[in-house]
Every structure is written in C-alpha cells, then in structure tokens.
PDB file of all heavy atoms in Angstrom:
ATOM      1  N   ALA A   1    -137.086  -7.880-206.600  1.00  0.00           N
ATOM      2  CA  ALA A   1    -137.517  -7.633-208.023  1.00  0.00           C
ATOM      3  C   ALA A   1    -139.045  -7.513-207.973  1.00  0.00           C
ATOM      4  O   ALA A   1    -139.643  -8.157-207.145  1.00  0.00           O
ATOM      5  CB  ALA A   1    -137.095  -8.943-208.831  1.00  0.00           C
ATOM      6  N   GLY A   2    -139.499  -6.732-208.746  1.00  0.00           N
ATOM      7  CA  GLY A   2    -140.977  -6.433-208.766  1.00  0.00           C
ATOM      8  C   GLY A   2    -141.365  -5.313-207.954  1.00  0.00           C
ATOM      9  O   GLY A   2    -142.555  -4.938-208.023  1.00  0.00           O
ATOM     10  N   ALA A   3    -140.474  -4.765-207.158  1.00  0.00           N
ATOM     11  CA  ALA A   3    -140.876  -3.573-206.319  1.00  0.00           C
ATOM     12  C   ALA A   3    -141.385  -2.477-207.103  1.00  0.00           C
ATOM     13  O   ALA A   3    -140.720  -2.086-208.134  1.00  0.00           O
ATOM     14  CB  ALA A   3    -139.674  -3.158-205.500  1.00  0.00           C
ATOM     15  N   VAL A   4    -142.550  -1.891-206.726  1.00  0.00           N
ATOM     16  CA  VAL A   4    -143.121  -0.691-207.412  1.00  0.00           C
ATOM     17  C   VAL A   4    -142.946   0.524-206.476  1.00  0.00           C
ATOM     18  O   VAL A   4    -143.336   0.502-205.320  1.00  0.00           O
ATOM     19  CB  VAL A   4    -144.667  -1.091-207.526  1.00  0.00           C
ATOM     20  CG1 VAL A   4    -145.352   0.162-208.114  1.00  0.00           C
ATOM     21  CG2 VAL A   4    -144.903  -2.189-208.438  1.00  0.00           C
ATOM     22  N   SER A   5    -142.139   1.408-207.103  1.00  0.00           N
ATOM     23  CA  SER A   5    -141.596   2.501-206.216  1.00  0.00           C
ATOM     24  C   SER A   5    -141.883   3.794-206.800  1.00  0.00           C
ATOM     25  O   SER A   5    -142.104   3.963-208.070  1.00  0.00           O
ATOM     26  CB  SER A   5    -140.129   2.286-205.969  1.00  0.00           C
ATOM     27  OG  SER A   5    -139.824   1.022-205.452  1.00  0.00           O
ATOM     28  N   VAL A   6    -141.741   4.890-205.916  1.00  0.00           N
ATOM     29  CA  VAL A   6    -142.018   6.301-206.423  1.00  0.00           C
ATOM     30  C   VAL A   6    -140.883   7.114-205.740  1.00  0.00           C
ATOM     31  O   VAL A   6    -140.390   6.820-204.624  1.00  0.00           O
ATOM     32  CB  VAL A   6    -143.334   6.783-206.071  1.00  0.00           C
ATOM     33  CG1 VAL A   6    -144.436   6.232-206.884  1.00  0.00           C
ATOM     34  CG2 VAL A   6    -143.637   6.590-204.556  1.00  0.00           C
ATOM     35  N   ALA A   7    -140.517   8.247-206.353  1.00  0.00           N
ATOM     36  CA  ALA A   7    -139.555   9.121-205.787  1.00  0.00           C
ATOM     37  C   ALA A   7    -139.675  10.429-206.731  1.00  0.00           C
ATOM     38  O   ALA A   7    -139.725  10.327-207.886  1.00  0.00           O
ATOM     39  CB  ALA A   7    -138.175   8.619-205.720  1.00  0.00           C
ATOM     40  N   GLY A   8    -139.604  11.622-205.948  1.00  0.00           N
ATOM     41  CA  GLY A   8    -139.753  12.838-206.695  1.00  0.00           C
ATOM     42  C   GLY A   8    -141.014  12.915-207.448  1.00  0.00           C
ATOM     43  O   GLY A   8    -142.136  12.649-206.971  1.00  0.00           O
ATOM     44  N   ARG A   9    -140.926  13.086-208.720  1.00  0.00           N
ATOM     45  CA  ARG A   9    -142.103  13.039-209.585  1.00  0.00           C
ATOM     46  C   ARG A   9    -142.065  11.772-210.577  1.00  0.00           C
ATOM     47  O   ARG A   9    -142.614  11.949-211.661  1.00  0.00           O
ATOM     48  CB  ARG A   9    -142.322  14.285-210.392  1.00  0.00           C
ATOM     49  CG  ARG A   9    -142.662  15.595-209.629  1.00  0.00           C
ATOM     50  CD  ARG A   9    -144.081  15.468-209.034  1.00  0.00           C
ATOM     51  NE  ARG A   9    -144.482  16.672-208.308  1.00  0.00           N
ATOM     52  CZ  ARG A   9    -145.653  16.874-207.669  1.00  0.00           C
ATOM     53  NH1 ARG A   9    -146.516  15.905-207.757  1.00  0.00           N
ATOM     54  NH2 ARG A   9    -145.941  17.987-207.239  1.00  0.00           N
ATOM     55  N   GLN A  10    -141.487  10.798-210.122  1.00  0.00           N
ATOM     56  CA  GLN A  10    -141.283   9.631-211.097  1.00  0.00           C
ATOM     57  C   GLN A  10    -141.774   8.359-210.477  1.00  0.00           C
ATOM     58  O   GLN A  10    -141.964   8.185-209.191  1.00  0.00           O
ATOM     59  CB  GLN A  10    -139.712   9.462-211.308  1.00  0.00           C
ATOM     60  CG  GLN A  10    -139.176  10.578-212.252  1.00  0.00           C
ATOM     61  CD  GLN A  10    -137.689  10.278-212.598  1.00  0.00           C
ATOM     62  OE1 GLN A  10    -136.795  10.472-211.792  1.00  0.00           O
ATOM     63  NE2 GLN A  10    -137.420   9.948-213.868  1.00  0.00           N
ATOM     64  N   ALA A  11    -141.907   7.316-211.251  1.00  0.00           N
ATOM     65  CA  ALA A  11    -142.385   6.053-210.798  1.00  0.00           C
ATOM     66  C   ALA A  11    -141.411   4.971-211.524  1.00  0.00           C
ATOM     67  O   ALA A  11    -140.931   5.273-212.654  1.00  0.00           O
ATOM     68  CB  ALA A  11    -143.858   5.734-211.166  1.00  0.00           C
ATOM     69  N   VAL A  12    -141.411   3.831-210.862  1.00  0.00           N
ATOM     70  CA  VAL A  12    -140.518   2.718-211.583  1.00  0.00           C
ATOM     71  C   VAL A  12    -140.911   1.369-210.963  1.00  0.00           C
ATOM     72  O   VAL A  12    -141.571   1.318-209.952  1.00  0.00           O
ATOM     73  CB  VAL A  12    -138.975   3.004-211.112  1.00  0.00           C
ATOM     74  CG1 VAL A  12    -138.687   2.656-209.705  1.00  0.00           C
ATOM     75  CG2 VAL A  12    -138.055   2.299-212.084  1.00  0.00           C
ATOM     76  N   ILE A  13    -140.565   0.310-211.770  1.00  0.00           N
ATOM     77  CA  ILE A  13    -140.756  -1.139-211.286  1.00  0.00           C
ATOM     78  C   ILE A  13    -139.330  -1.644-211.279  1.00  0.00           C
ATOM     79  O   ILE A  13    -138.484  -1.441-212.285  1.00  0.00           O
ATOM     80  CB  ILE A  13    -141.483  -1.855-212.131  1.00  0.00           C
ATOM     81  CG1 ILE A  13    -142.883  -1.217-212.522  1.00  0.00           C
ATOM     82  CG2 ILE A  13    -141.846  -3.275-211.579  1.00  0.00           C
ATOM     83  CD1 ILE A  13    -143.648  -1.954-213.539  1.00  0.00           C
ATOM     84  N   ALA A  14    -138.848  -2.334-210.273  1.00  0.00           N
ATOM     85  CA  ALA A  14    -137.498  -2.985-210.198  1.00  0.00           C
ATOM     86  C   ALA A  14    -137.547  -4.332-210.998  1.00  0.00           C
ATOM     87  O   ALA A  14    -138.265  -5.216-210.477  1.00  0.00           O
ATOM     88  CB  ALA A  14    -137.033  -3.148-208.828  1.00  0.00           C
ATOM     89  N   PRO A  15    -136.753  -4.499-211.990  1.00  0.00           N
ATOM     90  CA  PRO A  15    -136.686  -5.746-212.729  1.00  0.00           C
ATOM     91  C   PRO A  15    -135.891  -6.852-211.959  1.00  0.00           C
ATOM     92  O   PRO A  15    -136.125  -7.952-212.136  1.00  0.00           O
ATOM     93  CB  PRO A  15    -136.072  -5.490-213.985  1.00  0.00           C
ATOM     94  CG  PRO A  15    -136.094  -4.010-214.239  1.00  0.00           C
ATOM     95  CD  PRO A  15    -136.061  -3.497-212.845  1.00  0.00           C
ATOM     96  N   ALA A  16    -134.996  -6.390-211.119  1.00  0.00           N
ATOM     97  CA  ALA A  16    -134.020  -7.290-210.450  1.00  0.00           C
ATOM     98  C   ALA A  16    -133.755  -6.835-209.023  1.00  0.00           C
ATOM     99  O   ALA A  16    -133.962  -5.638-208.726  1.00  0.00           O
ATOM    100  CB  ALA A  16    -132.697  -7.419-211.163  1.00  0.00           C
ATOM    101  N   VAL A  17    -133.317  -7.672-208.216  1.00  0.00           N
ATOM    102  CA  VAL A  17    -132.944  -7.394-206.810  1.00  0.00           C
ATOM    103  C   VAL A  17    -131.725  -6.371-206.883  1.00  0.00           C
ATOM    104  O   VAL A  17    -130.694  -6.611-207.659  1.00  0.00           O
ATOM    105  CB  VAL A  17    -132.478  -8.596-206.031  1.00  0.00           C
ATOM    106  CG1 VAL A  17    -132.046  -8.130-204.545  1.00  0.00           C
ATOM    107  CG2 VAL A  17    -133.748  -9.472-206.004  1.00  0.00           C
ATOM    108  N   ALA A  18    -131.823  -5.262-206.101  1.00  0.00           N
ATOM    109  CA  ALA A  18    -130.796  -4.218-206.159  1.00  0.00           C
ATOM    110  C   ALA A  18    -130.958  -3.274-204.983  1.00  0.00           C
ATOM    111  O   ALA A  18    -132.079  -3.337-204.428  1.00  0.00           O
ATOM    112  CB  ALA A  18    -130.840  -3.469-207.501  1.00  0.00           C
ATOM    113  N   PRO A  19    -129.936  -2.573-204.648  1.00  0.00           N
ATOM    114  CA  PRO A  19    -130.097  -1.501-203.593  1.00  0.00           C
ATOM    115  C   PRO A  19    -130.999  -0.425-204.109  1.00  0.00           C
ATOM    116  O   PRO A  19    -131.163  -0.224-205.273  1.00  0.00           O
ATOM    117  CB  PRO A  19    -128.621  -0.958-203.357  1.00  0.00           C
ATOM    118  CG  PRO A  19    -127.688  -2.111-203.868  1.00  0.00           C
ATOM    119  CD  PRO A  19    -128.475  -2.658-204.960  1.00  0.00           C
ATOM    120  N   GLY A  20    -131.599   0.324-203.183  1.00  0.00           N
ATOM    121  CA  GLY A  20    -132.527   1.450-203.709  1.00  0.00           C
ATOM    122  C   GLY A  20    -133.001   2.388-202.582  1.00  0.00           C
ATOM    123  O   GLY A  20    -133.125   1.934-201.512  1.00  0.00           O
ATOM    124  N   GLY A  21    -133.045   3.658-203.035  1.00  0.00           N
ATOM    125  CA  GLY A  21    -133.508   4.608-202.082  1.00  0.00           C
ATOM    126  C   GLY A  21    -134.921   5.216-202.395  1.00  0.00           C
ATOM    127  O   GLY A  21    -135.425   6.148-201.753  1.00  0.00           O
ATOM    128  N   TRP A  22    -135.614   4.569-203.442  1.00  0.00           N
ATOM    129  CA  TRP A  22    -136.959   5.011-203.649  1.00  0.00           C
ATOM    130  C   TRP A  22    -137.928   4.416-202.684  1.00  0.00           C
ATOM    131  O   TRP A  22    -137.605   3.501-202.061  1.00  0.00           O
ATOM    132  CB  TRP A  22    -137.357   4.592-205.104  1.00  0.00           C
ATOM    133  CG  TRP A  22    -136.581   5.229-206.187  1.00  0.00           C
ATOM    134  CD1 TRP A  22    -135.311   5.578-206.275  1.00  0.00           C
ATOM    135  CD2 TRP A  22    -137.107   5.661-207.468  1.00  0.00           C
ATOM    136  NE1 TRP A  22    -135.013   6.255-207.450  1.00  0.00           N
ATOM    137  CE2 TRP A  22    -136.077   6.249-208.161  1.00  0.00           C
ATOM    138  CE3 TRP A  22    -138.476   5.697-208.052  1.00  0.00           C
ATOM    139  CZ2 TRP A  22    -136.291   6.796-209.493  1.00  0.00           C
ATOM    140  CZ3 TRP A  22    -138.664   6.245-209.284  1.00  0.00           C
ATOM    141  CH2 TRP A  22    -137.620   6.850-210.031  1.00  0.00           C
ATOM    142  N   ARG A  23    -139.201   5.034-202.590  1.00  0.00           N
ATOM    143  CA  ARG A  23    -140.164   4.577-201.599  1.00  0.00           C
ATOM    144  C   ARG A  23    -140.957   3.409-202.341  1.00  0.00           C
ATOM    145  O   ARG A  23    -141.587   3.595-203.333  1.00  0.00           O
ATOM    146  CB  ARG A  23    -141.110   5.736-201.246  1.00  0.00           C
ATOM    147  CG  ARG A  23    -140.374   6.965-200.780  1.00  0.00           C
ATOM    148  CD  ARG A  23    -140.157   6.768-199.178  1.00  0.00           C
ATOM    149  NE  ARG A  23    -139.512   8.021-198.697  1.00  0.00           N
ATOM    150  CZ  ARG A  23    -139.328   8.282-197.393  1.00  0.00           C
ATOM    151  NH1 ARG A  23    -139.929   7.295-196.521  1.00  0.00           N
ATOM    152  NH2 ARG A  23    -138.777   9.311-196.920  1.00  0.00           N
ATOM    153  N   VAL A  24    -140.860   2.260-201.712  1.00  0.00           N
ATOM    154  CA  VAL A  24    -141.558   1.078-202.074  1.00  0.00           C
ATOM    155  C   VAL A  24    -143.038   1.079-201.585  1.00  0.00           C
ATOM    156  O   VAL A  24    -143.324   0.948-200.473  1.00  0.00           O
ATOM    157  CB  VAL A  24    -140.852  -0.180-201.771  1.00  0.00           C
ATOM    158  CG1 VAL A  24    -141.539  -1.362-202.350  1.00  0.00           C
ATOM    159  CG2 VAL A  24    -139.362  -0.191-202.294  1.00  0.00           C
ATOM    160  N   ILE A  25    -143.937   1.206-202.477  1.00  0.00           N
ATOM    161  CA  ILE A  25    -145.370   1.158-202.070  1.00  0.00           C
ATOM    162  C   ILE A  25    -146.035  -0.105-202.420  1.00  0.00           C
ATOM    163  O   ILE A  25    -147.298  -0.298-201.988  1.00  0.00           O
ATOM    164  CB  ILE A  25    -146.078   2.393-202.746  1.00  0.00           C
ATOM    165  CG1 ILE A  25    -146.079   2.370-204.193  1.00  0.00           C
ATOM    166  CG2 ILE A  25    -145.520   3.715-202.115  1.00  0.00           C
ATOM    167  CD1 ILE A  25    -147.083   3.402-204.881  1.00  0.00           C
ATOM    168  N   GLY A  26    -145.525  -0.931-203.288  1.00  0.00           N
ATOM    169  CA  GLY A  26    -146.048  -2.239-203.597  1.00  0.00           C
ATOM    170  C   GLY A  26    -145.125  -3.152-204.310  1.00  0.00           C
ATOM    171  O   GLY A  26    -143.925  -2.864-204.451  1.00  0.00           O
ATOM    172  N   GLN A  27    -145.646  -4.306-204.765  1.00  0.00           N
ATOM    173  CA  GLN A  27    -144.794  -5.283-205.463  1.00  0.00           C
ATOM    174  C   GLN A  27    -145.721  -6.011-206.479  1.00  0.00           C
ATOM    175  O   GLN A  27    -146.798  -6.377-206.182  1.00  0.00           O
ATOM    176  CB  GLN A  27    -144.106  -6.209-204.578  1.00  0.00           C
ATOM    177  CG  GLN A  27    -143.141  -7.117-205.113  1.00  0.00           C
ATOM    178  CD  GLN A  27    -142.389  -8.027-204.191  1.00  0.00           C
ATOM    179  OE1 GLN A  27    -142.679  -7.897-203.011  1.00  0.00           O
ATOM    180  NE2 GLN A  27    -141.598  -9.023-204.701  1.00  0.00           N
ATOM    181  N   THR A  28    -145.191  -6.218-207.689  1.00  0.00           N
ATOM    182  CA  THR A  28    -145.845  -6.943-208.714  1.00  0.00           C
ATOM    183  C   THR A  28    -145.374  -8.463-208.654  1.00  0.00           C
ATOM    184  O   THR A  28    -144.020  -8.583-208.523  1.00  0.00           O
ATOM    185  CB  THR A  28    -145.762  -6.392-210.008  1.00  0.00           C
ATOM    186  OG1 THR A  28    -146.381  -7.241-210.978  1.00  0.00           O
ATOM    187  CG2 THR A  28    -144.311  -6.209-210.506  1.00  0.00           C
ATOM    188  N   PRO A  29    -146.106  -9.445-208.879  1.00  0.00           N
ATOM    189  CA  PRO A  29    -145.611 -10.822-208.832  1.00  0.00           C
ATOM    190  C   PRO A  29    -144.993 -11.122-210.259  1.00  0.00           C
ATOM    191  O   PRO A  29    -144.476 -12.167-210.492  1.00  0.00           O
ATOM    192  CB  PRO A  29    -146.838 -11.535-208.646  1.00  0.00           C
ATOM    193  CG  PRO A  29    -147.918 -10.796-209.061  1.00  0.00           C
ATOM    194  CD  PRO A  29    -147.520  -9.336-208.746  1.00  0.00           C
ATOM    195  N   LEU A  30    -145.259 -10.291-211.337  1.00  0.00           N
ATOM    196  CA  LEU A  30    -144.638 -10.594-212.598  1.00  0.00           C
ATOM    197  C   LEU A  30    -143.139 -10.554-212.647  1.00  0.00           C
ATOM    198  O   LEU A  30    -142.511  -9.853-211.953  1.00  0.00           O
ATOM    199  CB  LEU A  30    -145.387  -9.443-213.565  1.00  0.00           C
ATOM    200  CG  LEU A  30    -146.887  -9.375-213.766  1.00  0.00           C
ATOM    201  CD1 LEU A  30    -147.148  -8.367-214.848  1.00  0.00           C
ATOM    202  CD2 LEU A  30    -147.444 -10.715-214.049  1.00  0.00           C
ATOM    203  N   THR A  31    -142.641 -11.308-213.600  1.00  0.00           N
ATOM    204  CA  THR A  31    -141.272 -11.345-213.782  1.00  0.00           C
ATOM    205  C   THR A  31    -140.945 -10.360-215.116  1.00  0.00           C
ATOM    206  O   THR A  31    -141.462 -10.612-216.165  1.00  0.00           O
ATOM    207  CB  THR A  31    -140.706 -12.706-214.165  1.00  0.00           C
ATOM    208  OG1 THR A  31    -140.955 -13.518-212.996  1.00  0.00           O
ATOM    209  CG2 THR A  31    -139.223 -12.784-214.528  1.00  0.00           C
ATOM    210  N   LEU A  32    -140.128  -9.259-214.792  1.00  0.00           N
ATOM    211  CA  LEU A  32    -139.848  -8.396-215.907  1.00  0.00           C
ATOM    212  C   LEU A  32    -138.653  -8.799-216.665  1.00  0.00           C
ATOM    213  O   LEU A  32    -138.534  -8.729-217.890  1.00  0.00           O
ATOM    214  CB  LEU A  32    -139.623  -7.025-215.258  1.00  0.00           C
ATOM    215  CG  LEU A  32    -140.928  -6.119-214.920  1.00  0.00           C
ATOM    216  CD1 LEU A  32    -141.612  -6.690-213.708  1.00  0.00           C
ATOM    217  CD2 LEU A  32    -140.409  -4.684-214.552  1.00  0.00           C
ATOM    218  N   LEU A  33    -137.660  -9.370-215.957  1.00  0.00           N
ATOM    219  CA  LEU A  33    -136.266  -9.588-216.583  1.00  0.00           C
ATOM    220  C   LEU A  33    -136.268 -11.066-216.838  1.00  0.00           C
ATOM    221  O   LEU A  33    -136.380 -11.899-215.985  1.00  0.00           O
ATOM    222  CB  LEU A  33    -135.238  -9.151-215.608  1.00  0.00           C
ATOM    223  CG  LEU A  33    -133.803  -9.427-216.007  1.00  0.00           C
ATOM    224  CD1 LEU A  33    -133.501  -8.628-217.181  1.00  0.00           C
ATOM    225  CD2 LEU A  33    -132.745  -9.216-214.888  1.00  0.00           C
ATOM    226  N   ASP A  34    -135.966 -11.369-218.076  1.00  0.00           N
ATOM    227  CA  ASP A  34    -135.739 -12.859-218.467  1.00  0.00           C
ATOM    228  C   ASP A  34    -134.541 -12.928-219.252  1.00  0.00           C
ATOM    229  O   ASP A  34    -134.385 -12.391-220.434  1.00  0.00           O
ATOM    230  CB  ASP A  34    -137.037 -13.192-219.341  1.00  0.00           C
ATOM    231  CG  ASP A  34    -136.951 -14.704-219.824  1.00  0.00           C
ATOM    232  OD1 ASP A  34    -136.023 -15.471-219.363  1.00  0.00           O
ATOM    233  OD2 ASP A  34    -137.835 -15.064-220.552  1.00  0.00           O
ATOM    234  N   VAL A  35    -133.595 -13.687-218.720  1.00  0.00           N
ATOM    235  CA  VAL A  35    -132.189 -13.776-219.409  1.00  0.00           C
ATOM    236  C   VAL A  35    -132.349 -14.669-220.606  1.00  0.00           C
ATOM    237  O   VAL A  35    -131.412 -14.594-221.494  1.00  0.00           O
ATOM    238  CB  VAL A  35    -131.266 -14.314-218.406  1.00  0.00           C
ATOM    239  CG1 VAL A  35    -130.944 -13.449-217.255  1.00  0.00           C
ATOM    240  CG2 VAL A  35    -131.648 -15.815-217.884  1.00  0.00           C
TER     241      VAL A  35
END
C-alpha cells in the first residue's frame, strides 16, 4: 500500500496491498484507504 508506480503514459498510487505489474519508483507513507 502506498506504492507510487508508473506504466505506459500513466501514473498511480496503490491504496492497498495487491499484485501488480507497474514499475514502482517510490512509496508514500500516507494511508489512502480507510474502511
């Protein structure tokens, strides 16, 4: 969770732990997902 990734011409932040094929270039300590 918090992985900051890029792929193609897009960018994303992962709110939760999950599989992924994007390139992870960093991580934020912030919590995005709050149940």
